[in-house]
Amino acid sequence: MTSGVGARPLRLAAIVLNYRTPALVLDCLASLVPELDPARDAAVVVDNASGDESAEAIRRCAAESSWKTVRVVESPRNGGFAAGNNVGIRSVSAQAYLLLNSDTLVRPGAIARLFETLEADPAVGIVSPRLEWPDETPQVSCFRLHNPTSELIYAAGTGLIRRLLERWDVPLPISDSPFEPAWTSFAAVMIRAAVLDQVGLLDEGFFMYYEDEDYCRRTRRAGWRISHEPRARVVHLRGGTSPVKALSAARKRRPRYYYASRSRCFRKAYGPAGLFAANLFYSVGRAIAWSRELVGDKLPHAAERELLDVWRG
């Protein structure tokens, strides 16, 4: 069930997660609140058991700023991205839900564009905006499904292999026109309430990462379409809510939950044999990369101890 408090559903409920990032949340709200209709919309900040003064600071600032659309919900535990968003969704009844990372800034008109996309086509269940840097440089945010071959491409990190196997590579090219990806980043995404009623809430077995791909897969299997609307734009300050991207860039070891989510995604999509194939293909790709690194023909790109972590899941 997606219906929460209130007899009449709102038009839109924007869900913003906080885990010890109150400054980011407040910046996000400052960009979000002017785009909301106080009579029809709400912004729900879910504090994911931060264990500090985050929730009170956000609540106090919202009151001082007269943000009447903002409410703060405190989760009793930090169950991760999916669980936190589910807390927010359960707390309010709306026709659509906008999930926003705390490290996002909503450009003017973005929410209206996304909602118009849902209204224009009843078959569209999920719509995402263009994610971009503050200087308006677009980010890759739409993708093909992960598959065993894509693990070979990623692990090898070799241009020739990527070109030969391009149809299985996960990132999709940036487009200036609307299109339908297999899945889209949930850093900023609008989901129709009817999808949540039919498909269910996000899978809380994912602590963080891969839950967006899993939910898009479930949504498409249920017969809904996924749309990307690049004319709706949201700034994404990548890495503000998780250390994974910074660790990856520095080739440091990623958290265990990243690989647990990866394994869960492959297992749900392809079964145990598919997960084994993905790990095997990753290992082959890593051997290719390692051989090139050994002769000095390639800079290392894998995270520390990644081969072990891939198999441990």
Protein backbone atom coordinates (compact mmCIF):
# COMPACT_ATOMS: atom_id res chain seq x y z
CA MET A 1 0.00 0.00 0.00
CA THR A 2 1.27 3.48 -0.85
CA SER A 3 -1.41 5.49 0.91
CA GLY A 4 -0.27 7.24 4.07
CA VAL A 5 -1.81 9.88 6.27
CA GLY A 6 -4.58 12.11 4.96
CA ALA A 7 -7.94 11.26 3.45
CA ARG A 8 -7.34 13.01 0.12
CA PRO A 9 -4.19 12.13 -1.83
CA LEU A 10 -1.85 14.91 -2.80
CA ARG A 11 -0.78 15.51 -6.37
CA LEU A 12 2.90 15.00 -5.57
CA ALA A 13 5.04 13.96 -2.61
CA ALA A 14 8.77 14.67 -2.91
CA ILE A 15 10.88 12.35 -0.74
CA VAL A 16 14.34 13.56 0.33
CA LEU A 17 16.59 11.28 2.39
CA ASN A 18 18.90 12.62 5.05
CA TYR A 19 21.75 10.77 6.69
CA ARG A 20 23.97 13.32 8.41
CA THR A 21 23.79 15.72 5.45
CA PRO A 22 21.50 18.51 6.75
CA ALA A 23 23.27 21.26 4.79
CA LEU A 24 22.75 19.38 1.53
CA VAL A 25 19.11 18.68 2.41
CA LEU A 26 18.43 22.35 3.13
CA ASP A 27 20.00 23.40 -0.19
CA CYS A 28 17.89 20.78 -1.94
CA LEU A 29 14.72 22.02 -0.21
CA ALA A 30 15.52 25.63 -1.08
CA SER A 31 15.44 24.66 -4.76
CA LEU A 32 12.49 22.27 -4.39
CA VAL A 33 9.96 24.20 -2.31
CA PRO A 34 9.36 27.01 -4.87
CA GLU A 35 8.45 24.32 -7.43
CA LEU A 36 5.74 22.82 -5.21
CA ASP A 37 2.09 23.85 -4.92
CA PRO A 38 1.32 24.15 -1.17
CA ALA A 39 -2.30 23.18 -1.81
CA ARG A 40 -1.46 19.95 -3.67
CA ASP A 41 2.13 18.94 -2.92
CA ALA A 42 4.37 18.02 0.01
CA ALA A 43 8.07 17.53 0.65
CA VAL A 44 8.88 14.72 3.07
CA VAL A 45 12.37 14.63 4.56
CA VAL A 46 13.18 11.19 5.94
CA ASP A 47 15.94 11.23 8.52
CA ASN A 48 17.54 7.80 8.20
CA ALA A 49 18.47 7.44 11.89
CA SER A 50 21.30 9.94 11.60
CA GLY A 51 21.95 9.85 15.33
CA ASP A 52 22.81 13.56 15.39
CA GLU A 53 20.87 16.84 15.36
CA SER A 54 20.08 16.66 11.63
CA ALA A 55 16.33 16.15 11.92
CA GLU A 56 15.84 18.97 14.40
CA ALA A 57 18.04 21.33 12.37
CA ILE A 58 16.04 20.65 9.21
CA ARG A 59 12.73 20.98 11.07
CA ARG A 60 13.83 24.29 12.63
CA CYS A 61 15.08 25.76 9.34
CA ALA A 62 11.89 24.72 7.53
CA ALA A 63 9.82 26.54 10.15
CA GLU A 64 12.01 29.65 10.03
CA SER A 65 11.80 29.67 6.22
CA SER A 66 8.00 29.19 6.28
CA TRP A 67 8.29 26.08 4.11
CA LYS A 68 4.75 24.90 4.81
CA THR A 69 5.04 21.99 2.37
CA VAL A 70 7.94 20.42 4.31
CA ARG A 71 7.48 17.70 6.91
CA VAL A 72 10.20 15.66 8.64
CA VAL A 73 9.81 11.94 9.34
CA GLU A 74 12.35 10.14 11.51
CA SER A 75 13.08 6.51 10.68
CA PRO A 76 13.94 4.32 13.69
CA ARG A 77 16.78 2.68 11.74
CA ASN A 78 19.09 3.32 8.81
CA GLY A 79 17.98 0.61 6.43
CA GLY A 80 19.60 2.26 3.42
CA PHE A 81 18.29 4.06 0.34
CA ALA A 82 15.35 1.78 -0.48
CA ALA A 83 14.16 1.45 3.10
CA GLY A 84 14.40 5.20 3.74
CA ASN A 85 12.42 6.07 0.63
CA ASN A 86 9.81 3.47 1.56
CA VAL A 87 9.38 5.18 4.95
CA GLY A 88 8.65 8.44 3.14
CA ILE A 89 6.28 6.86 0.63
CA ARG A 90 4.30 5.11 3.36
CA SER A 91 3.93 8.36 5.28
CA VAL A 92 1.86 10.23 2.70
CA SER A 93 -0.73 9.52 0.02
CA ALA A 94 -0.05 11.07 -3.39
CA GLN A 95 -0.69 10.53 -7.09
CA ALA A 96 3.06 10.51 -7.75
CA TYR A 97 6.28 10.39 -5.75
CA LEU A 98 9.46 12.30 -6.56
CA LEU A 99 12.54 10.63 -5.07
CA LEU A 100 15.44 13.05 -4.63
CA ASN A 101 18.94 12.52 -3.31
CA SER A 102 19.96 15.13 -0.77
CA ASP A 103 22.80 16.15 -3.12
CA THR A 104 20.38 17.39 -5.80
CA LEU A 105 19.15 20.84 -6.77
CA VAL A 106 15.92 21.15 -8.75
CA ARG A 107 16.04 23.49 -11.73
CA PRO A 108 12.98 25.73 -12.29
CA GLY A 109 10.19 23.95 -14.17
CA ALA A 110 11.67 20.46 -13.76
CA ILE A 111 8.88 19.07 -11.58
CA ALA A 112 6.16 20.44 -13.85
CA ARG A 113 7.84 18.81 -16.87
CA LEU A 114 8.05 15.43 -15.16
CA PHE A 115 4.44 15.53 -14.00
CA GLU A 116 3.29 16.57 -17.47
CA THR A 117 5.04 13.49 -18.88
CA LEU A 118 3.04 11.22 -16.56
CA GLU A 119 -0.21 13.04 -17.37
CA ALA A 120 0.40 12.89 -21.14
CA ASP A 121 0.83 9.09 -21.28
CA PRO A 122 -0.94 6.77 -18.80
CA ALA A 123 1.43 3.94 -19.82
CA VAL A 124 4.48 5.78 -18.43
CA GLY A 125 5.08 4.66 -14.87
CA ILE A 126 8.50 6.20 -14.19
CA VAL A 127 10.05 9.37 -15.59
CA SER A 128 13.49 10.80 -14.89
CA PRO A 129 15.02 14.22 -15.53
CA ARG A 130 18.39 15.02 -17.01
CA LEU A 131 21.02 15.00 -14.28
CA GLU A 132 23.70 17.60 -14.71
CA TRP A 133 26.58 19.37 -13.01
CA PRO A 134 26.14 22.94 -11.75
CA ASP A 135 27.72 24.22 -14.99
CA GLU A 136 24.93 22.41 -16.94
CA THR A 137 27.21 19.65 -18.22
CA PRO A 138 24.94 16.58 -18.48
CA GLN A 139 25.67 13.37 -16.59
CA VAL A 140 25.07 9.83 -17.82
CA SER A 141 21.95 8.73 -15.96
CA CYS A 142 20.20 6.24 -18.26
CA PHE A 143 21.34 2.69 -18.84
CA ARG A 144 21.00 -0.76 -20.34
CA LEU A 145 20.56 -3.60 -17.87
CA HIS A 146 23.66 -5.05 -16.26
CA ASN A 147 24.46 -8.46 -17.70
CA PRO A 148 27.39 -10.91 -17.60
CA THR A 149 28.91 -9.45 -20.78
CA SER A 150 28.80 -5.93 -19.33
CA GLU A 151 30.93 -7.22 -16.45
CA LEU A 152 33.59 -8.33 -18.93
CA ILE A 153 33.49 -4.89 -20.56
CA TYR A 154 33.79 -3.06 -17.25
CA ALA A 155 36.52 -5.27 -15.79
CA ALA A 156 38.67 -5.24 -18.94
CA GLY A 157 38.51 -1.44 -19.20
CA THR A 158 39.74 -1.74 -22.79
CA GLY A 159 38.48 0.41 -25.64
CA LEU A 160 38.61 -2.38 -28.22
CA ILE A 161 36.50 -4.74 -26.12
CA ARG A 162 34.04 -1.96 -25.31
CA ARG A 163 33.59 -1.17 -29.00
CA LEU A 164 33.20 -4.82 -30.01
CA LEU A 165 30.62 -5.48 -27.29
CA GLU A 166 28.96 -2.06 -27.32
CA ARG A 167 25.40 -3.42 -27.47
CA TRP A 168 25.91 -4.97 -23.99
CA ASP A 169 27.60 -1.95 -22.42
CA VAL A 170 25.54 -0.44 -19.59
CA PRO A 171 25.78 3.38 -20.01
CA LEU A 172 23.52 4.90 -22.68
CA PRO A 173 24.55 8.00 -24.64
CA ILE A 174 23.23 11.32 -23.42
CA SER A 175 20.23 12.47 -25.47
CA ASP A 176 18.57 15.85 -25.90
CA SER A 177 15.30 14.17 -26.84
CA PRO A 178 12.98 12.06 -24.65
CA PHE A 179 13.51 8.30 -24.92
CA GLU A 180 12.88 5.05 -23.04
CA PRO A 181 15.89 3.53 -21.23
CA ALA A 182 15.92 0.11 -19.61
CA TRP A 183 16.59 1.83 -16.30
CA THR A 184 17.38 5.24 -14.96
CA SER A 185 19.14 6.69 -11.94
CA PHE A 186 16.99 7.16 -8.84
CA ALA A 187 19.07 10.16 -7.73
CA ALA A 188 16.03 12.02 -9.09
CA VAL A 189 12.99 10.18 -10.40
CA MET A 190 9.19 10.48 -10.42
CA ILE A 191 7.12 7.32 -9.90
CA ARG A 192 3.39 7.03 -10.48
CA ALA A 193 1.50 5.82 -7.40
CA ALA A 194 -0.25 3.16 -9.49
CA VAL A 195 3.15 1.59 -10.17
CA LEU A 196 3.88 1.36 -6.46
CA ASP A 197 0.44 -0.15 -5.88
CA GLN A 198 1.02 -2.81 -8.54
CA VAL A 199 4.76 -3.48 -8.30
CA GLY A 200 5.25 -2.78 -4.60
CA LEU A 201 7.79 -0.65 -2.79
CA LEU A 202 11.55 -0.61 -3.36
CA ASP A 203 13.35 -3.82 -2.40
CA GLU A 204 14.85 -3.19 1.04
CA GLY A 205 17.27 -6.08 0.49
CA PHE A 206 19.39 -3.49 -1.34
CA PHE A 207 21.10 -1.22 1.19
CA MET A 208 22.42 1.12 -1.49
CA TYR A 209 23.06 0.83 -5.24
CA TYR A 210 21.33 -1.36 -7.86
CA GLU A 211 17.90 -0.84 -6.26
CA ASP A 212 16.98 1.57 -9.06
CA GLU A 213 17.85 -0.95 -11.77
CA ASP A 214 15.93 -3.64 -9.93
CA TYR A 215 12.85 -1.46 -9.54
CA CYS A 216 12.88 -0.39 -13.18
CA ARG A 217 13.16 -4.04 -14.25
CA ARG A 218 10.18 -4.95 -12.06
CA THR A 219 8.21 -1.98 -13.42
CA ARG A 220 8.84 -2.89 -17.06
CA ARG A 221 7.93 -6.53 -16.41
CA ALA A 222 4.61 -5.31 -15.02
CA GLY A 223 3.88 -3.61 -18.36
CA TRP A 224 4.77 -0.01 -17.54
CA ARG A 225 7.04 2.21 -19.63
CA ILE A 226 10.03 4.20 -18.37
CA SER A 227 10.67 7.62 -19.85
CA HIS A 228 13.58 10.02 -19.70
CA GLU A 229 12.71 13.72 -20.11
CA PRO A 230 15.91 15.75 -20.64
CA ARG A 231 14.04 19.06 -20.71
CA ALA A 232 13.49 18.56 -16.96
CA ARG A 233 16.85 19.22 -15.36
CA VAL A 234 18.18 18.49 -11.89
CA VAL A 235 21.68 19.28 -10.64
CA HIS A 236 23.35 16.24 -9.08
CA LEU A 237 26.39 16.88 -6.88
CA ARG A 238 27.53 13.29 -7.25
CA GLY A 239 29.08 11.67 -4.23
CA GLY A 240 27.43 13.88 -1.64
CA THR A 241 25.39 11.06 -0.12
CA SER A 242 27.77 8.10 -0.40
CA PRO A 243 31.53 7.48 -0.30
CA VAL A 244 31.42 4.90 -3.11
CA LYS A 245 32.16 7.23 -6.03
CA ALA A 246 35.06 8.91 -4.23
CA LEU A 247 36.49 5.55 -3.23
CA SER A 248 36.14 4.25 -6.79
CA ALA A 249 37.87 7.30 -8.24
CA ALA A 250 40.76 6.79 -5.82
CA ARG A 251 40.78 3.01 -6.48
CA LYS A 252 40.11 2.40 -2.79
CA ARG A 253 38.08 -0.54 -1.56
CA ARG A 254 34.33 -0.06 -1.88
CA PRO A 255 31.99 -0.87 1.04
CA ARG A 256 30.73 -4.43 1.34
CA TYR A 257 27.14 -3.33 0.77
CA TYR A 258 28.00 -2.26 -2.80
CA TYR A 259 28.97 -5.80 -3.79
CA ALA A 260 26.11 -7.34 -1.83
CA SER A 261 23.71 -5.17 -3.86
CA ARG A 262 25.45 -6.15 -7.10
CA SER A 263 25.09 -9.85 -6.29
CA ARG A 264 21.45 -9.43 -5.30
CA CYS A 265 20.68 -7.63 -8.57
CA PHE A 266 22.27 -10.34 -10.75
CA ARG A 267 20.73 -13.14 -8.72
CA LYS A 268 17.23 -11.67 -8.98
CA ALA A 269 17.57 -10.97 -12.70
CA TYR A 270 19.37 -14.10 -13.90
CA GLY A 271 19.35 -16.61 -11.05
CA PRO A 272 22.41 -18.16 -9.32
CA ALA A 273 23.84 -19.30 -12.67
CA GLY A 274 23.61 -15.74 -13.98
CA LEU A 275 25.46 -14.38 -10.96
CA PHE A 276 28.17 -17.03 -11.41
CA ALA A 277 28.47 -16.10 -15.10
CA ALA A 278 28.73 -12.40 -14.22
CA ASN A 279 31.51 -13.10 -11.72
CA LEU A 280 33.30 -15.37 -14.20
CA PHE A 281 33.10 -12.77 -16.97
CA TYR A 282 34.35 -10.13 -14.55
CA SER A 283 37.32 -12.36 -13.72
CA VAL A 284 38.16 -12.81 -17.41
CA GLY A 285 37.98 -9.08 -17.95
CA ARG A 286 40.15 -8.44 -14.90
CA ALA A 287 42.75 -10.88 -16.24
CA ILE A 288 42.82 -8.95 -19.53
CA ALA A 289 43.26 -5.65 -17.70
CA TRP A 290 45.91 -7.08 -15.38
CA SER A 291 47.98 -8.42 -18.28
CA ARG A 292 47.97 -4.98 -19.90
CA GLU A 293 48.82 -3.28 -16.61
CA LEU A 294 51.74 -5.70 -16.18
CA VAL A 295 53.39 -4.58 -19.39
CA GLY A 296 52.66 -0.92 -18.68
CA ASP A 297 50.14 -0.57 -21.51
CA LYS A 298 47.26 0.40 -19.24
CA LEU A 299 46.67 2.30 -16.01
CA PRO A 300 44.88 0.33 -13.28
CA HIS A 301 41.17 1.12 -12.94
CA ALA A 302 39.75 -1.57 -10.62
CA ALA A 303 38.97 -0.79 -7.00
CA GLU A 304 41.21 -2.29 -4.34
CA ARG A 305 40.49 -6.01 -3.71
CA GLU A 306 37.58 -5.88 -6.15
CA LEU A 307 38.09 -9.36 -7.60
CA LEU A 308 37.74 -10.86 -4.12
CA ASP A 309 34.76 -8.67 -3.24
CA VAL A 310 32.94 -9.53 -6.48
CA TRP A 311 33.03 -13.22 -5.60
CA ARG A 312 32.24 -12.68 -1.92
CA GLY A 313 29.22 -10.53 -2.83
